């Protein structure tokens, strides 16, 4: 049960990141989304993994760990991939 609660919390944080990213990027969201989606898909292809594992791998990079905005954009993009907002 604890793992389900943790998964729900992670999902909620990712959706919050998407909301914030869309607000901050405004009209540029679509092009930013495409840019980060390409990166995530490249990580998935290289590592033969799904989106969530790609997020974990990207967050192991020091450059991502040190850049909160980059981290938010990665989470926001994965949220949009997994649960597209209509």
C-alpha atoms as a PDB file:
ATOM      1  CA  UNK A   1       0.000   0.000   0.000  1.00  0.00           C
ATOM      2  CA  UNK A   2       2.878   2.361   0.814  1.00  0.00           C
ATOM      3  CA  UNK A   3       4.268   1.992  -2.724  1.00  0.00           C
ATOM      4  CA  UNK A   4       0.907   2.980  -4.184  1.00  0.00           C
ATOM      5  CA  UNK A   5       0.774   6.066  -1.975  1.00  0.00           C
ATOM      6  CA  UNK A   6       4.318   6.975  -3.007  1.00  0.00           C
ATOM      7  CA  UNK A   7       3.439   6.507  -6.686  1.00  0.00           C
ATOM      8  CA  UNK A   8       0.417   8.784  -6.325  1.00  0.00           C
ATOM      9  CA  UNK A   9       2.542  11.448  -4.649  1.00  0.00           C
ATOM     10  CA  UNK A  10       5.130  11.270  -7.431  1.00  0.00           C
ATOM     11  CA  UNK A  11       2.382  11.539 -10.054  1.00  0.00           C
ATOM     12  CA  UNK A  12       0.945  14.586  -8.291  1.00  0.00           C
ATOM     13  CA  UNK A  13       4.368  16.264  -8.172  1.00  0.00           C
ATOM     14  CA  UNK A  14       4.882  15.593 -11.868  1.00  0.00           C
ATOM     15  CA  UNK A  15       1.502  17.112 -12.685  1.00  0.00           C
ATOM     16  CA  UNK A  16       2.356  20.145 -10.552  1.00  0.00           C
ATOM     17  CA  UNK A  17       5.604  20.497 -12.499  1.00  0.00           C
ATOM     18  CA  UNK A  18       3.659  20.401 -15.761  1.00  0.00           C
ATOM     19  CA  UNK A  19       1.264  23.075 -14.555  1.00  0.00           C
ATOM     20  CA  UNK A  20       4.152  25.304 -13.459  1.00  0.00           C
ATOM     21  CA  UNK A  21       6.107  24.726 -16.668  1.00  0.00           C
ATOM     22  CA  UNK A  22       3.109  25.585 -18.835  1.00  0.00           C
ATOM     23  CA  UNK A  23       2.544  28.746 -16.827  1.00  0.00           C
ATOM     24  CA  UNK A  24       6.190  29.817 -16.966  1.00  0.00           C
ATOM     25  CA  UNK A  25       6.750  28.935 -20.622  1.00  0.00           C
ATOM     26  CA  UNK A  26       3.400  30.181 -21.913  1.00  0.00           C
ATOM     27  CA  UNK A  27       3.357  30.153 -25.718  1.00  0.00           C
ATOM     28  CA  UNK A  28       6.774  28.462 -25.775  1.00  0.00           C
ATOM     29  CA  UNK A  29       5.512  25.348 -23.959  1.00  0.00           C
ATOM     30  CA  UNK A  30       4.905  23.300 -27.122  1.00  0.00           C
ATOM     31  CA  UNK A  31       8.415  23.831 -28.506  1.00  0.00           C
ATOM     32  CA  UNK A  32       9.975  23.262 -25.076  1.00  0.00           C
ATOM     33  CA  UNK A  33       7.921  20.092 -24.650  1.00  0.00           C
ATOM     34  CA  UNK A  34       9.168  18.787 -28.021  1.00  0.00           C
ATOM     35  CA  UNK A  35      12.776  19.548 -27.067  1.00  0.00           C
ATOM     36  CA  UNK A  36      12.600  17.687 -23.748  1.00  0.00           C
ATOM     37  CA  UNK A  37      10.511  14.877 -25.210  1.00  0.00           C
ATOM     38  CA  UNK A  38      13.273  14.223 -27.761  1.00  0.00           C
ATOM     39  CA  UNK A  39      15.825  14.007 -24.940  1.00  0.00           C
ATOM     40  CA  UNK A  40      13.664  11.641 -22.901  1.00  0.00           C
ATOM     41  CA  UNK A  41      13.002   9.434 -25.927  1.00  0.00           C
ATOM     42  CA  UNK A  42      16.735   9.296 -26.691  1.00  0.00           C
ATOM     43  CA  UNK A  43      17.444   8.165 -23.115  1.00  0.00           C
ATOM     44  CA  UNK A  44      14.676   5.565 -23.401  1.00  0.00           C
ATOM     45  CA  UNK A  45      16.061   4.245 -26.672  1.00  0.00           C
ATOM     46  CA  UNK A  46      19.666   4.132 -25.477  1.00  0.00           C
ATOM     47  CA  UNK A  47      18.791   2.428 -22.196  1.00  0.00           C
ATOM     48  CA  UNK A  48      15.854   0.360 -23.469  1.00  0.00           C
ATOM     49  CA  UNK A  49      13.622   1.676 -20.695  1.00  0.00           C
ATOM     50  CA  UNK A  50      10.323   3.438 -20.084  1.00  0.00           C
ATOM     51  CA  UNK A  51       9.703   7.114 -19.333  1.00  0.00           C
ATOM     52  CA  UNK A  52       9.936   6.783 -15.573  1.00  0.00           C
ATOM     53  CA  UNK A  53      13.274   4.984 -15.691  1.00  0.00           C
ATOM     54  CA  UNK A  54      14.503   7.678 -18.112  1.00  0.00           C
ATOM     55  CA  UNK A  55      13.572  10.322 -15.522  1.00  0.00           C
ATOM     56  CA  UNK A  56      15.576   8.468 -12.891  1.00  0.00           C
ATOM     57  CA  UNK A  57      18.575   8.170 -15.212  1.00  0.00           C
ATOM     58  CA  UNK A  58      18.435  11.849 -16.145  1.00  0.00           C
ATOM     59  CA  UNK A  59      18.216  12.857 -12.494  1.00  0.00           C
ATOM     60  CA  UNK A  60      21.402  10.940 -11.754  1.00  0.00           C
ATOM     61  CA  UNK A  61      23.263  13.544 -13.839  1.00  0.00           C
ATOM     62  CA  UNK A  62      24.932  16.251 -11.784  1.00  0.00           C
ATOM     63  CA  UNK A  63      23.827  18.925 -14.273  1.00  0.00           C
ATOM     64  CA  UNK A  64      20.180  17.989 -13.676  1.00  0.00           C
ATOM     65  CA  UNK A  65      20.623  17.711  -9.909  1.00  0.00           C
ATOM     66  CA  UNK A  66      22.033  21.228  -9.795  1.00  0.00           C
ATOM     67  CA  UNK A  67      19.350  22.813 -11.978  1.00  0.00           C
ATOM     68  CA  UNK A  68      15.867  22.868 -10.473  1.00  0.00           C
ATOM     69  CA  UNK A  69      14.316  24.363 -13.607  1.00  0.00           C
ATOM     70  CA  UNK A  70      15.750  21.587 -15.790  1.00  0.00           C
ATOM     71  CA  UNK A  71      14.468  19.008 -13.339  1.00  0.00           C
ATOM     72  CA  UNK A  72      11.006  20.580 -13.416  1.00  0.00           C
ATOM     73  CA  UNK A  73      10.967  20.552 -17.230  1.00  0.00           C
ATOM     74  CA  UNK A  74      11.903  16.860 -17.323  1.00  0.00           C
ATOM     75  CA  UNK A  75       9.127  15.978 -14.854  1.00  0.00           C
ATOM     76  CA  UNK A  76       6.662  18.219 -16.715  1.00  0.00           C
ATOM     77  CA  UNK A  77       7.471  16.597 -20.041  1.00  0.00           C
ATOM     78  CA  UNK A  78       7.064  13.073 -18.717  1.00  0.00           C
ATOM     79  CA  UNK A  79       3.764  14.057 -17.117  1.00  0.00           C
ATOM     80  CA  UNK A  80       2.575  15.332 -20.507  1.00  0.00           C
ATOM     81  CA  UNK A  81       3.790  12.160 -22.268  1.00  0.00           C
ATOM     82  CA  UNK A  82       2.067   9.840 -19.795  1.00  0.00           C
ATOM     83  CA  UNK A  83      -1.084  11.906 -19.207  1.00  0.00           C
ATOM     84  CA  UNK A  84      -1.554  14.422 -22.039  1.00  0.00           C
ATOM     85  CA  UNK A  85      -3.574  17.425 -20.983  1.00  0.00           C
ATOM     86  CA  UNK A  86      -6.525  18.114 -23.231  1.00  0.00           C
END
